[in-house]
Amino acid sequence: MTRAALFVRWMLGISAAVFLALGLAFMFAPGMMIGAMDLKAESPKALADVRAVYGGLDLTIGILLIFCFFRKFWANGLAISALACTCIFCGRLVGIIVDPARDILTYGLFAVEVLGAVLSAIAWFLARQPEPVAAIAVAAPITAAPVPAAEAPAPTSQEG
């Protein structure tokens, strides 16, 4: 396996694990997750919404990426990961500019989201490339002499 192929698989696997973990955390521990962002969900309705939107969407993306990983749909999964990370960091960038949310946690999350988008995009590009010739040659070595094919029986003529 080439380094590029290894990077593609690792990137998709890590992306799937991160989205899955975030989805589960928001679904089963929403108070802890939103507390870090200074959000308050004081009513059961608000907590249910955090579980549904944050937990449900992240869990959906994580499951979809796991499906792509095991079905070997590398490029499709990485395109989903790159798009999701890009949309998330764009939303955070709007918050930094408009709101202005300028604290260390916001900048740290922004950096992680940009990094996730860039690495997913690089891996997506690599996943769409044909396998290098050297990798193909190792996978299917050329034999020294061709193996003769079995002789087919001579055709018979049918007269009518």
C-alpha atoms as a PDB file:
ATOM      1  CA  MET A   1       0.000   0.000   0.000  1.00  0.00           C
ATOM      2  CA  THR A   2       1.376   3.399  -0.957  1.00  0.00           C
ATOM      3  CA  ARG A   3       1.748   6.278   1.482  1.00  0.00           C
ATOM      4  CA  ALA A   4      -0.974   8.164  -0.376  1.00  0.00           C
ATOM      5  CA  ALA A   5      -3.387   5.236  -0.043  1.00  0.00           C
ATOM      6  CA  LEU A   6      -2.547   4.935   3.647  1.00  0.00           C
ATOM      7  CA  PHE A   7      -3.121   8.682   4.171  1.00  0.00           C
ATOM      8  CA  VAL A   8      -6.485   8.471   2.382  1.00  0.00           C
ATOM      9  CA  ARG A   9      -7.658   5.596   4.592  1.00  0.00           C
ATOM     10  CA  TRP A  10      -6.402   7.174   7.817  1.00  0.00           C
ATOM     11  CA  MET A  11      -7.956  10.539   6.998  1.00  0.00           C
ATOM     12  CA  LEU A  12     -11.364   9.025   6.277  1.00  0.00           C
ATOM     13  CA  GLY A  13     -11.164   6.839   9.389  1.00  0.00           C
ATOM     14  CA  ILE A  14     -10.184   9.743  11.648  1.00  0.00           C
ATOM     15  CA  SER A  15     -12.909  11.975  10.183  1.00  0.00           C
ATOM     16  CA  ALA A  16     -15.501   9.254  10.762  1.00  0.00           C
ATOM     17  CA  ALA A  17     -14.341   8.742  14.357  1.00  0.00           C
ATOM     18  CA  VAL A  18     -14.384  12.478  15.167  1.00  0.00           C
ATOM     19  CA  PHE A  19     -17.886  13.069  13.773  1.00  0.00           C
ATOM     20  CA  LEU A  20     -19.169   9.904  15.436  1.00  0.00           C
ATOM     21  CA  ALA A  21     -17.662  10.885  18.808  1.00  0.00           C
ATOM     22  CA  LEU A  22     -19.061  14.423  18.596  1.00  0.00           C
ATOM     23  CA  GLY A  23     -22.482  13.090  17.646  1.00  0.00           C
ATOM     24  CA  LEU A  24     -22.557  10.684  20.572  1.00  0.00           C
ATOM     25  CA  ALA A  25     -21.265  13.336  22.986  1.00  0.00           C
ATOM     26  CA  PHE A  26     -23.884  15.903  21.925  1.00  0.00           C
ATOM     27  CA  MET A  27     -26.609  13.278  22.020  1.00  0.00           C
ATOM     28  CA  PHE A  28     -25.810  11.795  25.438  1.00  0.00           C
ATOM     29  CA  ALA A  29     -24.017  14.664  27.242  1.00  0.00           C
ATOM     30  CA  PRO A  30     -25.387  17.863  25.703  1.00  0.00           C
ATOM     31  CA  GLY A  31     -24.990  19.956  28.846  1.00  0.00           C
ATOM     32  CA  MET A  32     -21.273  19.261  29.062  1.00  0.00           C
ATOM     33  CA  MET A  33     -20.737  19.917  25.348  1.00  0.00           C
ATOM     34  CA  ILE A  34     -22.576  23.235  25.189  1.00  0.00           C
ATOM     35  CA  GLY A  35     -21.205  24.374  28.558  1.00  0.00           C
ATOM     36  CA  ALA A  36     -17.754  24.755  27.002  1.00  0.00           C
ATOM     37  CA  MET A  37     -19.217  27.259  24.524  1.00  0.00           C
ATOM     38  CA  ASP A  38     -21.006  29.291  27.224  1.00  0.00           C
ATOM     39  CA  LEU A  39     -24.408  28.122  25.993  1.00  0.00           C
ATOM     40  CA  LYS A  40     -27.246  27.395  28.369  1.00  0.00           C
ATOM     41  CA  ALA A  41     -30.001  24.922  27.607  1.00  0.00           C
ATOM     42  CA  GLU A  42     -32.212  25.399  30.619  1.00  0.00           C
ATOM     43  CA  SER A  43     -35.379  23.723  29.399  1.00  0.00           C
ATOM     44  CA  PRO A  44     -35.932  20.115  28.365  1.00  0.00           C
ATOM     45  CA  LYS A  45     -37.021  21.444  24.957  1.00  0.00           C
ATOM     46  CA  ALA A  46     -33.657  23.186  24.487  1.00  0.00           C
ATOM     47  CA  LEU A  47     -31.691  20.076  25.486  1.00  0.00           C
ATOM     48  CA  ALA A  48     -33.773  17.956  23.107  1.00  0.00           C
ATOM     49  CA  ASP A  49     -32.975  20.412  20.314  1.00  0.00           C
ATOM     50  CA  VAL A  50     -29.230  20.259  21.065  1.00  0.00           C
ATOM     51  CA  ARG A  51     -29.394  16.455  21.039  1.00  0.00           C
ATOM     52  CA  ALA A  52     -31.329  16.437  17.764  1.00  0.00           C
ATOM     53  CA  VAL A  53     -29.442  19.059  15.781  1.00  0.00           C
ATOM     54  CA  TYR A  54     -25.857  18.844  17.055  1.00  0.00           C
ATOM     55  CA  GLY A  55     -25.937  15.177  18.029  1.00  0.00           C
ATOM     56  CA  GLY A  56     -28.104  13.959  15.181  1.00  0.00           C
ATOM     57  CA  LEU A  57     -26.257  15.744  12.388  1.00  0.00           C
ATOM     58  CA  ASP A  58     -22.775  14.862  13.645  1.00  0.00           C
ATOM     59  CA  LEU A  59     -23.848  11.262  14.211  1.00  0.00           C
ATOM     60  CA  THR A  60     -25.316  11.110  10.696  1.00  0.00           C
ATOM     61  CA  ILE A  61     -22.097  12.383   9.132  1.00  0.00           C
ATOM     62  CA  GLY A  62     -20.029   9.953  11.230  1.00  0.00           C
ATOM     63  CA  ILE A  63     -22.159   6.950  10.239  1.00  0.00           C
ATOM     64  CA  LEU A  64     -22.071   7.998   6.583  1.00  0.00           C
ATOM     65  CA  LEU A  65     -18.266   8.269   6.706  1.00  0.00           C
ATOM     66  CA  ILE A  66     -18.012   4.844   8.378  1.00  0.00           C
ATOM     67  CA  PHE A  67     -20.181   3.422   5.593  1.00  0.00           C
ATOM     68  CA  CYS A  68     -17.880   5.003   2.992  1.00  0.00           C
ATOM     69  CA  PHE A  69     -14.839   3.623   4.820  1.00  0.00           C
ATOM     70  CA  PHE A  70     -16.027   0.023   4.895  1.00  0.00           C
ATOM     71  CA  ARG A  71     -17.434   0.123   1.352  1.00  0.00           C
ATOM     72  CA  LYS A  72     -14.117   1.631   0.160  1.00  0.00           C
ATOM     73  CA  PHE A  73     -15.816   4.739  -1.224  1.00  0.00           C
ATOM     74  CA  TRP A  74     -12.736   6.754  -0.271  1.00  0.00           C
ATOM     75  CA  ALA A  75     -13.292   9.779  -2.533  1.00  0.00           C
ATOM     76  CA  ASN A  76     -17.001  10.074  -1.693  1.00  0.00           C
ATOM     77  CA  GLY A  77     -16.383   9.946   2.050  1.00  0.00           C
ATOM     78  CA  LEU A  78     -13.559  12.442   1.897  1.00  0.00           C
ATOM     79  CA  ALA A  79     -15.643  14.840  -0.202  1.00  0.00           C
ATOM     80  CA  ILE A  80     -18.362  14.675   2.473  1.00  0.00           C
ATOM     81  CA  SER A  81     -15.783  15.268   5.214  1.00  0.00           C
ATOM     82  CA  ALA A  82     -14.184  18.200   3.374  1.00  0.00           C
ATOM     83  CA  LEU A  83     -17.566  19.792   2.676  1.00  0.00           C
ATOM     84  CA  ALA A  84     -18.780  19.355   6.263  1.00  0.00           C
ATOM     85  CA  CYS A  85     -15.573  20.798   7.744  1.00  0.00           C
ATOM     86  CA  THR A  86     -15.627  23.687   5.262  1.00  0.00           C
ATOM     87  CA  CYS A  87     -19.234  24.590   6.095  1.00  0.00           C
ATOM     88  CA  ILE A  88     -18.513  24.401   9.830  1.00  0.00           C
ATOM     89  CA  PHE A  89     -15.429  26.630   9.632  1.00  0.00           C
ATOM     90  CA  CYS A  90     -17.297  29.105   7.392  1.00  0.00           C
ATOM     91  CA  GLY A  91     -20.021  29.350  10.024  1.00  0.00           C
ATOM     92  CA  ARG A  92     -17.418  29.891  12.727  1.00  0.00           C
ATOM     93  CA  LEU A  93     -15.674  32.542  10.584  1.00  0.00           C
ATOM     94  CA  VAL A  94     -18.958  34.438  10.271  1.00  0.00           C
ATOM     95  CA  GLY A  95     -19.222  34.306  14.074  1.00  0.00           C
ATOM     96  CA  ILE A  96     -15.673  35.605  14.485  1.00  0.00           C
ATOM     97  CA  ILE A  97     -16.322  38.517  12.124  1.00  0.00           C
ATOM     98  CA  VAL A  98     -19.931  39.436  12.937  1.00  0.00           C
ATOM     99  CA  ASP A  99     -20.383  38.623  16.632  1.00  0.00           C
ATOM    100  CA  PRO A 100     -17.197  39.082  17.379  1.00  0.00           C
ATOM    101  CA  ALA A 101     -16.291  35.791  19.040  1.00  0.00           C
ATOM    102  CA  ARG A 102     -12.577  36.232  19.669  1.00  0.00           C
ATOM    103  CA  ASP A 103     -11.453  33.852  22.385  1.00  0.00           C
ATOM    104  CA  ILE A 104      -8.885  31.082  22.429  1.00  0.00           C
ATOM    105  CA  LEU A 105     -11.478  28.273  22.199  1.00  0.00           C
ATOM    106  CA  THR A 106     -13.156  29.806  19.144  1.00  0.00           C
ATOM    107  CA  TYR A 107      -9.821  30.292  17.381  1.00  0.00           C
ATOM    108  CA  GLY A 108      -8.692  26.795  18.353  1.00  0.00           C
ATOM    109  CA  LEU A 109     -11.859  25.185  16.996  1.00  0.00           C
ATOM    110  CA  PHE A 110     -11.573  27.306  13.851  1.00  0.00           C
ATOM    111  CA  ALA A 111      -8.002  26.078  13.309  1.00  0.00           C
ATOM    112  CA  VAL A 112      -9.020  22.426  13.792  1.00  0.00           C
ATOM    113  CA  GLU A 113     -11.933  22.843  11.367  1.00  0.00           C
ATOM    114  CA  VAL A 114      -9.744  24.479   8.702  1.00  0.00           C
ATOM    115  CA  LEU A 115      -7.133  21.743   9.158  1.00  0.00           C
ATOM    116  CA  GLY A 116      -9.819  19.064   8.842  1.00  0.00           C
ATOM    117  CA  ALA A 117     -11.150  20.648   5.650  1.00  0.00           C
ATOM    118  CA  VAL A 118      -7.695  21.024   4.081  1.00  0.00           C
ATOM    119  CA  LEU A 119      -6.513  17.509   4.969  1.00  0.00           C
ATOM    120  CA  SER A 120      -9.809  15.991   3.797  1.00  0.00           C
ATOM    121  CA  ALA A 121      -9.537  17.902   0.510  1.00  0.00           C
ATOM    122  CA  ILE A 122      -5.937  16.719  -0.015  1.00  0.00           C
ATOM    123  CA  ALA A 123      -6.935  13.131   0.764  1.00  0.00           C
ATOM    124  CA  TRP A 124      -9.944  13.449  -1.576  1.00  0.00           C
ATOM    125  CA  PHE A 125      -7.627  14.598  -4.372  1.00  0.00           C
ATOM    126  CA  LEU A 126      -5.296  11.647  -3.719  1.00  0.00           C
ATOM    127  CA  ALA A 127      -8.211   9.197  -3.585  1.00  0.00           C
ATOM    128  CA  ARG A 128      -9.276  10.246  -7.074  1.00  0.00           C
ATOM    129  CA  GLN A 129      -5.850   9.583  -8.624  1.00  0.00           C
ATOM    130  CA  PRO A 130      -5.115   6.319 -10.436  1.00  0.00           C
ATOM    131  CA  GLU A 131      -2.833   3.890  -8.649  1.00  0.00           C
ATOM    132  CA  PRO A 132       0.852   4.462  -9.449  1.00  0.00           C
ATOM    133  CA  VAL A 133       2.429   2.049 -11.926  1.00  0.00           C
ATOM    134  CA  ALA A 134       4.874   0.758  -9.297  1.00  0.00           C
ATOM    135  CA  ALA A 135       2.004  -0.202  -6.976  1.00  0.00           C
ATOM    136  CA  ILE A 136       0.251  -2.056  -9.778  1.00  0.00           C
ATOM    137  CA  ALA A 137       3.450  -3.904 -10.730  1.00  0.00           C
ATOM    138  CA  VAL A 138       3.926  -5.081  -7.156  1.00  0.00           C
ATOM    139  CA  ALA A 139       0.321  -6.189  -6.895  1.00  0.00           C
ATOM    140  CA  ALA A 140       0.401  -8.189 -10.157  1.00  0.00           C
ATOM    141  CA  PRO A 141       3.927  -9.320 -11.067  1.00  0.00           C
ATOM    142  CA  ILE A 142       4.621 -10.206 -14.664  1.00  0.00           C
ATOM    143  CA  THR A 143       5.547 -13.867 -15.221  1.00  0.00           C
ATOM    144  CA  ALA A 144       8.679 -14.787 -17.173  1.00  0.00           C
ATOM    145  CA  ALA A 145       6.898 -16.887 -19.773  1.00  0.00           C
ATOM    146  CA  PRO A 146       3.249 -16.863 -20.745  1.00  0.00           C
ATOM    147  CA  VAL A 147       1.286 -19.898 -19.711  1.00  0.00           C
ATOM    148  CA  PRO A 148      -0.078 -21.691 -22.812  1.00  0.00           C
ATOM    149  CA  ALA A 149      -3.823 -21.715 -23.053  1.00  0.00           C
ATOM    150  CA  ALA A 150      -5.643 -25.021 -23.278  1.00  0.00           C
ATOM    151  CA  GLU A 151      -6.282 -25.954 -26.857  1.00  0.00           C
ATOM    152  CA  ALA A 152      -9.876 -25.754 -27.883  1.00  0.00           C
ATOM    153  CA  PRO A 153     -11.358 -28.690 -29.817  1.00  0.00           C
ATOM    154  CA  ALA A 154     -11.365 -28.237 -33.576  1.00  0.00           C
ATOM    155  CA  PRO A 155     -14.659 -27.013 -34.938  1.00  0.00           C
ATOM    156  CA  THR A 156     -16.705 -29.624 -36.728  1.00  0.00           C
ATOM    157  CA  SER A 157     -18.590 -28.834 -39.845  1.00  0.00           C
ATOM    158  CA  GLN A 158     -22.183 -29.822 -40.077  1.00  0.00           C
ATOM    159  CA  GLU A 159     -23.552 -30.646 -43.449  1.00  0.00           C
ATOM    160  CA  GLY A 160     -27.197 -30.576 -44.110  1.00  0.00           C
END
